[in-house]
Amino acid sequence: MAQNKTKPTQVSVDDHIAAIANEAQRADCLAIAKLMGKVTESEPTMWGPTIVGFGSYHYKYESGREGDSCLTGFAARKSEIAVYLAPDCAEITDLLPKLGKHKMGKGCLYIRRLSDVDTAVLEKLVTTSVKELQRRYR
């Protein structure tokens, strides 16, 4: 069975964030890291080369595929920040209209700037996602 490519690494989160060229995006990532640390009560860890992750859980699908992933995390992309949330969660879907300017994929929330969204709603989204993943995969 294929191995999960995204695993925790020993790369410094501080160095990774400090290397983000766009100053505004770097500041947004620092604020998101603080928010996620507060919600998860976990220190950040690099998952692969680009994901700053918090906490972890072990998943096992009906197909038999299993692995570990971060409970929540984010990645700075070229023009946006991807925030990783639990997929297929009705509570998250209900909160999204209150968030502000964003795009949503299956389990990825994309924002251009933190100032485009309500950070209290973002914190609620992250909290809801973490609780949902912990419920699904205990």
N, C-alpha and C. Protein backbone atom coordinates (compact mmCIF):
# COMPACT_ATOMS: atom_id res chain seq x y z
N MET A 1 0.85 -1.18 0.00
CA MET A 1 0.00 0.00 0.00
C MET A 1 0.89 1.24 0.00
N ALA A 2 0.48 2.28 -0.68
CA ALA A 2 1.28 3.51 -0.80
C ALA A 2 1.41 4.21 0.55
N GLN A 3 2.59 4.77 0.77
CA GLN A 3 2.86 5.53 2.00
C GLN A 3 2.38 6.97 1.83
N ASN A 4 1.93 7.55 2.92
CA ASN A 4 1.54 8.95 2.92
C ASN A 4 2.80 9.80 2.73
N LYS A 5 2.78 10.71 1.75
CA LYS A 5 3.95 11.54 1.46
C LYS A 5 4.11 12.68 2.45
N THR A 6 3.01 13.10 3.06
CA THR A 6 3.05 14.24 3.97
C THR A 6 3.22 13.73 5.40
N LYS A 7 4.43 13.86 5.89
CA LYS A 7 4.78 13.38 7.23
C LYS A 7 5.46 14.49 8.00
N PRO A 8 5.45 14.40 9.34
CA PRO A 8 6.16 15.40 10.13
C PRO A 8 7.65 15.39 9.81
N THR A 9 8.25 16.57 9.81
CA THR A 9 9.69 16.69 9.56
C THR A 9 10.33 17.45 10.71
N GLN A 10 11.63 17.56 10.67
CA GLN A 10 12.38 18.30 11.69
C GLN A 10 12.68 19.73 11.25
N VAL A 11 12.14 20.15 10.11
CA VAL A 11 12.37 21.50 9.60
C VAL A 11 11.77 22.51 10.59
N SER A 12 12.45 23.61 10.79
CA SER A 12 12.00 24.64 11.72
C SER A 12 10.80 25.40 11.15
N VAL A 13 9.71 25.42 11.91
CA VAL A 13 8.53 26.19 11.51
C VAL A 13 8.88 27.68 11.46
N ASP A 14 9.62 28.16 12.45
CA ASP A 14 10.00 29.57 12.47
C ASP A 14 10.79 29.95 11.22
N ASP A 15 11.74 29.11 10.83
CA ASP A 15 12.53 29.38 9.63
C ASP A 15 11.65 29.34 8.38
N HIS A 16 10.72 28.38 8.34
CA HIS A 16 9.82 28.27 7.18
C HIS A 16 8.99 29.54 7.04
N ILE A 17 8.39 29.99 8.13
CA ILE A 17 7.55 31.19 8.06
C ILE A 17 8.40 32.42 7.76
N ALA A 18 9.57 32.52 8.36
CA ALA A 18 10.46 33.66 8.11
C ALA A 18 10.88 33.75 6.64
N ALA A 19 10.88 32.63 5.94
CA ALA A 19 11.28 32.61 4.54
C ALA A 19 10.17 33.01 3.57
N ILE A 20 8.96 33.24 4.07
CA ILE A 20 7.87 33.67 3.20
C ILE A 20 8.19 35.08 2.71
N ALA A 21 8.30 35.25 1.40
CA ALA A 21 8.77 36.51 0.82
C ALA A 21 7.79 37.67 1.04
N ASN A 22 6.51 37.39 0.92
CA ASN A 22 5.50 38.45 1.05
C ASN A 22 5.31 38.78 2.54
N GLU A 23 5.66 39.99 2.91
CA GLU A 23 5.62 40.40 4.33
C GLU A 23 4.23 40.29 4.93
N ALA A 24 3.20 40.70 4.18
CA ALA A 24 1.82 40.63 4.69
C ALA A 24 1.39 39.18 4.88
N GLN A 25 1.74 38.33 3.93
CA GLN A 25 1.39 36.92 4.04
C GLN A 25 2.14 36.27 5.20
N ARG A 26 3.39 36.67 5.40
CA ARG A 26 4.17 36.15 6.53
C ARG A 26 3.50 36.53 7.86
N ALA A 27 3.06 37.78 7.97
CA ALA A 27 2.36 38.24 9.19
C ALA A 27 1.05 37.47 9.38
N ASP A 28 0.32 37.25 8.28
CA ASP A 28 -0.93 36.48 8.37
C ASP A 28 -0.65 35.05 8.84
N CYS A 29 0.42 34.44 8.34
CA CYS A 29 0.77 33.07 8.74
C CYS A 29 1.14 33.01 10.22
N LEU A 30 1.85 34.01 10.70
CA LEU A 30 2.18 34.05 12.13
C LEU A 30 0.90 34.14 12.97
N ALA A 31 -0.06 34.95 12.53
CA ALA A 31 -1.32 35.09 13.26
C ALA A 31 -2.14 33.79 13.21
N ILE A 32 -2.15 33.14 12.06
CA ILE A 32 -2.87 31.86 11.94
C ILE A 32 -2.21 30.80 12.81
N ALA A 33 -0.88 30.79 12.84
CA ALA A 33 -0.16 29.83 13.68
C ALA A 33 -0.52 30.04 15.15
N LYS A 34 -0.60 31.28 15.57
CA LYS A 34 -0.96 31.59 16.96
C LYS A 34 -2.38 31.10 17.25
N LEU A 35 -3.30 31.35 16.33
CA LEU A 35 -4.70 30.92 16.49
C LEU A 35 -4.77 29.39 16.59
N MET A 36 -4.09 28.69 15.70
CA MET A 36 -4.15 27.22 15.70
C MET A 36 -3.46 26.63 16.92
N GLY A 37 -2.40 27.26 17.38
CA GLY A 37 -1.75 26.81 18.60
C GLY A 37 -2.66 26.94 19.80
N LYS A 38 -3.41 28.04 19.84
CA LYS A 38 -4.37 28.26 20.92
C LYS A 38 -5.47 27.20 20.90
N VAL A 39 -6.03 26.95 19.71
CA VAL A 39 -7.13 25.99 19.58
C VAL A 39 -6.68 24.57 19.93
N THR A 40 -5.53 24.17 19.41
CA THR A 40 -5.08 22.78 19.57
C THR A 40 -4.24 22.54 20.82
N GLU A 41 -3.76 23.63 21.42
CA GLU A 41 -2.83 23.53 22.54
C GLU A 41 -1.62 22.68 22.15
N SER A 42 -1.19 22.81 20.89
CA SER A 42 -0.05 22.07 20.35
C SER A 42 0.96 23.03 19.75
N GLU A 43 2.20 22.61 19.75
CA GLU A 43 3.25 23.35 19.07
C GLU A 43 3.19 23.00 17.57
N PRO A 44 3.55 23.93 16.71
CA PRO A 44 3.52 23.64 15.28
C PRO A 44 4.66 22.71 14.86
N THR A 45 4.39 21.93 13.84
CA THR A 45 5.36 21.01 13.24
C THR A 45 5.23 21.13 11.74
N MET A 46 6.33 21.08 11.04
CA MET A 46 6.26 21.04 9.58
C MET A 46 5.84 19.64 9.15
N TRP A 47 4.84 19.58 8.29
CA TRP A 47 4.38 18.32 7.69
C TRP A 47 4.75 18.45 6.22
N GLY A 48 5.73 17.69 5.80
CA GLY A 48 6.25 17.84 4.45
C GLY A 48 6.94 19.19 4.33
N PRO A 49 7.19 19.64 3.12
CA PRO A 49 7.96 20.87 2.94
C PRO A 49 7.16 22.17 3.11
N THR A 50 5.81 22.11 3.12
CA THR A 50 5.05 23.36 3.08
C THR A 50 3.94 23.50 4.11
N ILE A 51 3.53 22.44 4.77
CA ILE A 51 2.37 22.52 5.67
C ILE A 51 2.85 22.70 7.11
N VAL A 52 2.34 23.75 7.75
CA VAL A 52 2.56 23.97 9.17
C VAL A 52 1.36 23.32 9.86
N GLY A 53 1.62 22.23 10.58
CA GLY A 53 0.53 21.45 11.17
C GLY A 53 0.53 21.51 12.69
N PHE A 54 -0.64 21.26 13.25
CA PHE A 54 -0.84 21.29 14.70
C PHE A 54 -1.56 20.02 15.12
N GLY A 55 -1.02 19.36 16.14
CA GLY A 55 -1.63 18.13 16.61
C GLY A 55 -1.53 17.05 15.54
N SER A 56 -2.08 15.89 15.85
CA SER A 56 -2.10 14.80 14.86
C SER A 56 -3.21 13.82 15.22
N TYR A 57 -3.56 13.03 14.23
CA TYR A 57 -4.52 11.96 14.44
C TYR A 57 -4.19 10.83 13.48
N HIS A 58 -4.64 9.65 13.83
CA HIS A 58 -4.44 8.47 12.99
C HIS A 58 -5.78 8.14 12.33
N TYR A 59 -5.77 8.03 11.01
CA TYR A 59 -7.00 7.70 10.30
C TYR A 59 -6.89 6.31 9.68
N LYS A 60 -8.05 5.69 9.52
CA LYS A 60 -8.13 4.42 8.81
C LYS A 60 -9.45 4.43 8.05
N TYR A 61 -9.33 4.33 6.72
CA TYR A 61 -10.51 4.34 5.86
C TYR A 61 -11.04 2.92 5.66
N GLU A 62 -12.27 2.84 5.20
CA GLU A 62 -12.88 1.53 4.93
C GLU A 62 -12.08 0.74 3.90
N SER A 63 -11.39 1.46 3.01
CA SER A 63 -10.57 0.81 1.99
C SER A 63 -9.36 0.09 2.57
N GLY A 64 -9.05 0.39 3.84
CA GLY A 64 -7.88 -0.19 4.49
C GLY A 64 -6.70 0.78 4.54
N ARG A 65 -6.76 1.83 3.75
CA ARG A 65 -5.69 2.84 3.78
C ARG A 65 -5.71 3.53 5.13
N GLU A 66 -4.52 3.72 5.70
CA GLU A 66 -4.42 4.40 6.97
C GLU A 66 -3.15 5.21 7.04
N GLY A 67 -3.12 6.13 7.98
CA GLY A 67 -1.94 6.97 8.14
C GLY A 67 -2.17 8.01 9.22
N ASP A 68 -1.26 8.95 9.28
CA ASP A 68 -1.33 10.02 10.25
C ASP A 68 -1.38 11.35 9.51
N SER A 69 -2.06 12.31 10.13
CA SER A 69 -2.14 13.65 9.56
C SER A 69 -2.24 14.65 10.69
N CYS A 70 -2.00 15.91 10.36
CA CYS A 70 -2.16 16.95 11.38
C CYS A 70 -3.65 17.23 11.57
N LEU A 71 -4.03 17.58 12.80
CA LEU A 71 -5.43 17.91 13.09
C LEU A 71 -5.87 19.13 12.30
N THR A 72 -5.02 20.11 12.22
CA THR A 72 -5.27 21.29 11.42
C THR A 72 -3.93 21.85 11.01
N GLY A 73 -3.94 22.72 10.04
CA GLY A 73 -2.70 23.32 9.59
C GLY A 73 -2.97 24.31 8.49
N PHE A 74 -1.89 24.87 7.98
CA PHE A 74 -2.01 25.82 6.88
C PHE A 74 -0.75 25.76 6.04
N ALA A 75 -0.86 26.30 4.84
CA ALA A 75 0.28 26.40 3.94
C ALA A 75 0.18 27.70 3.17
N ALA A 76 1.28 28.42 3.12
CA ALA A 76 1.34 29.64 2.32
C ALA A 76 1.56 29.24 0.87
N ARG A 77 0.65 29.63 0.02
CA ARG A 77 0.78 29.38 -1.41
C ARG A 77 1.17 30.70 -2.09
N LYS A 78 1.32 30.68 -3.37
CA LYS A 78 1.78 31.87 -4.09
C LYS A 78 0.92 33.10 -3.80
N SER A 79 -0.38 32.96 -3.93
CA SER A 79 -1.25 34.13 -3.77
C SER A 79 -2.33 33.96 -2.70
N GLU A 80 -2.24 32.88 -1.94
CA GLU A 80 -3.25 32.64 -0.91
C GLU A 80 -2.69 31.73 0.17
N ILE A 81 -3.47 31.58 1.22
CA ILE A 81 -3.12 30.67 2.31
C ILE A 81 -4.18 29.58 2.33
N ALA A 82 -3.72 28.34 2.34
CA ALA A 82 -4.62 27.19 2.44
C ALA A 82 -4.70 26.79 3.90
N VAL A 83 -5.92 26.70 4.42
CA VAL A 83 -6.17 26.26 5.80
C VAL A 83 -6.84 24.90 5.71
N TYR A 84 -6.28 23.91 6.39
CA TYR A 84 -6.77 22.54 6.29
C TYR A 84 -7.81 22.27 7.38
N LEU A 85 -9.02 21.90 6.92
CA LEU A 85 -10.16 21.63 7.80
C LEU A 85 -10.72 20.25 7.50
N ALA A 86 -11.55 19.74 8.39
CA ALA A 86 -12.20 18.45 8.19
C ALA A 86 -13.13 18.52 6.98
N PRO A 87 -13.04 17.57 6.07
CA PRO A 87 -13.96 17.55 4.93
C PRO A 87 -15.34 17.03 5.35
N ASP A 88 -16.33 17.40 4.59
CA ASP A 88 -17.69 16.87 4.77
C ASP A 88 -18.22 17.06 6.19
N CYS A 89 -18.13 18.27 6.68
CA CYS A 89 -18.62 18.58 8.03
C CYS A 89 -19.69 19.66 7.92
N ALA A 90 -20.92 19.32 8.28
CA ALA A 90 -22.05 20.24 8.15
C ALA A 90 -21.85 21.51 8.97
N GLU A 91 -21.27 21.41 10.16
CA GLU A 91 -21.06 22.59 11.00
C GLU A 91 -20.11 23.58 10.34
N ILE A 92 -19.10 23.07 9.66
CA ILE A 92 -18.18 23.94 8.94
C ILE A 92 -18.91 24.62 7.78
N THR A 93 -19.66 23.86 7.04
CA THR A 93 -20.43 24.42 5.92
C THR A 93 -21.36 25.52 6.40
N ASP A 94 -21.96 25.35 7.56
CA ASP A 94 -22.87 26.35 8.11
C ASP A 94 -22.15 27.64 8.52
N LEU A 95 -20.89 27.53 8.93
CA LEU A 95 -20.12 28.71 9.36
C LEU A 95 -19.53 29.51 8.20
N LEU A 96 -19.28 28.88 7.08
CA LEU A 96 -18.57 29.52 5.98
C LEU A 96 -19.20 30.84 5.49
N PRO A 97 -20.53 30.95 5.39
CA PRO A 97 -21.10 32.23 4.93
C PRO A 97 -20.78 33.41 5.85
N LYS A 98 -20.43 33.13 7.09
CA LYS A 98 -20.12 34.19 8.06
C LYS A 98 -18.64 34.58 8.05
N LEU A 99 -17.82 33.83 7.31
CA LEU A 99 -16.37 34.00 7.36
C LEU A 99 -15.87 35.27 6.66
N GLY A 100 -16.39 35.53 5.49
CA GLY A 100 -15.85 36.61 4.67
C GLY A 100 -15.35 36.04 3.36
N LYS A 101 -14.48 36.78 2.69
CA LYS A 101 -14.01 36.40 1.36
C LYS A 101 -13.10 35.18 1.42
N HIS A 102 -13.52 34.10 0.75
CA HIS A 102 -12.77 32.85 0.75
C HIS A 102 -13.21 31.97 -0.40
N LYS A 103 -12.47 30.89 -0.62
CA LYS A 103 -12.87 29.80 -1.50
C LYS A 103 -12.74 28.53 -0.67
N MET A 104 -13.56 27.54 -0.97
CA MET A 104 -13.51 26.29 -0.21
C MET A 104 -13.41 25.11 -1.15
N GLY A 105 -12.47 24.23 -0.89
CA GLY A 105 -12.36 22.96 -1.59
C GLY A 105 -12.90 21.88 -0.67
N LYS A 106 -12.58 20.64 -0.95
CA LYS A 106 -13.10 19.54 -0.14
C LYS A 106 -12.72 19.68 1.34
N GLY A 107 -11.46 19.90 1.62
CA GLY A 107 -11.02 20.06 3.00
C GLY A 107 -10.07 21.25 3.16
N CYS A 108 -10.02 22.10 2.13
CA CYS A 108 -9.12 23.25 2.15
C CYS A 108 -9.90 24.55 2.03
N LEU A 109 -9.62 25.43 2.95
CA LEU A 109 -10.17 26.78 2.93
C LEU A 109 -9.07 27.69 2.40
N TYR A 110 -9.38 28.47 1.38
CA TYR A 110 -8.38 29.36 0.78
C TYR A 110 -8.75 30.81 1.07
N ILE A 111 -7.79 31.54 1.63
CA ILE A 111 -7.99 32.97 1.86
C ILE A 111 -6.77 33.71 1.30
N ARG A 112 -7.03 34.89 0.76
CA ARG A 112 -5.92 35.70 0.24
C ARG A 112 -5.24 36.48 1.36
N ARG A 113 -6.05 37.09 2.21
CA ARG A 113 -5.52 37.88 3.32
C ARG A 113 -6.37 37.63 4.56
N LEU A 114 -5.75 37.64 5.69
CA LEU A 114 -6.46 37.44 6.95
C LEU A 114 -7.46 38.58 7.16
N SER A 115 -7.14 39.76 6.67
CA SER A 115 -8.05 40.91 6.82
C SER A 115 -9.34 40.75 6.01
N ASP A 116 -9.38 39.78 5.10
CA ASP A 116 -10.59 39.50 4.30
C ASP A 116 -11.62 38.68 5.07
N VAL A 117 -11.23 38.12 6.22
CA VAL A 117 -12.12 37.21 6.94
C VAL A 117 -12.29 37.66 8.39
N ASP A 118 -13.34 37.15 9.00
CA ASP A 118 -13.61 37.38 10.42
C ASP A 118 -12.79 36.34 11.19
N THR A 119 -11.78 36.78 11.93
CA THR A 119 -10.89 35.83 12.60
C THR A 119 -11.60 35.05 13.71
N ALA A 120 -12.65 35.62 14.28
CA ALA A 120 -13.42 34.87 15.29
C ALA A 120 -14.12 33.68 14.63
N VAL A 121 -14.62 33.88 13.42
CA VAL A 121 -15.27 32.78 12.69
C VAL A 121 -14.21 31.77 12.25
N LEU A 122 -13.04 32.25 11.82
CA LEU A 122 -11.95 31.35 11.45
C LEU A 122 -11.57 30.47 12.65
N GLU A 123 -11.48 31.07 13.82
CA GLU A 123 -11.15 30.30 15.02
C GLU A 123 -12.23 29.26 15.30
N LYS A 124 -13.47 29.63 15.10
CA LYS A 124 -14.58 28.68 15.31
C LYS A 124 -14.51 27.54 14.29
N LEU A 125 -14.14 27.87 13.05
CA LEU A 125 -14.00 26.84 12.02
C LEU A 125 -12.89 25.84 12.39
N VAL A 126 -11.77 26.36 12.83
CA VAL A 126 -10.65 25.49 13.21
C VAL A 126 -11.04 24.63 14.41
N THR A 127 -11.67 25.24 15.39
CA THR A 127 -12.11 24.50 16.59
C THR A 127 -13.08 23.40 16.22
N THR A 128 -14.05 23.72 15.38
CA THR A 128 -15.06 22.74 14.94
C THR A 128 -14.39 21.60 14.18
N SER A 129 -13.46 21.94 13.31
CA SER A 129 -12.77 20.93 12.52
C SER A 129 -11.96 19.99 13.40
N VAL A 130 -11.21 20.53 14.35
CA VAL A 130 -10.40 19.71 15.25
C VAL A 130 -11.30 18.76 16.04
N LYS A 131 -12.39 19.28 16.59
CA LYS A 131 -13.31 18.42 17.36
C LYS A 131 -13.91 17.34 16.48
N GLU A 132 -14.25 17.67 15.24
CA GLU A 132 -14.84 16.69 14.33
C GLU A 132 -13.83 15.58 13.99
N LEU A 133 -12.60 15.94 13.70
CA LEU A 133 -11.59 14.92 13.40
C LEU A 133 -11.31 14.05 14.62
N GLN A 134 -11.27 14.65 15.79
CA GLN A 134 -11.06 13.85 17.00
C GLN A 134 -12.24 12.91 17.22
N ARG A 135 -13.44 13.35 16.91
CA ARG A 135 -14.62 12.49 17.06
C ARG A 135 -14.57 11.33 16.05
N ARG A 136 -14.24 11.65 14.81
CA ARG A 136 -14.22 10.63 13.76
C ARG A 136 -13.15 9.57 13.98
N TYR A 137 -12.01 9.99 14.48
CA TYR A 137 -10.85 9.09 14.50
C TYR A 137 -10.32 8.81 15.89
N ARG A 138 -11.21 8.70 16.90
CA ARG A 138 -10.71 8.36 18.23
C ARG A 138 -10.35 6.93 18.34
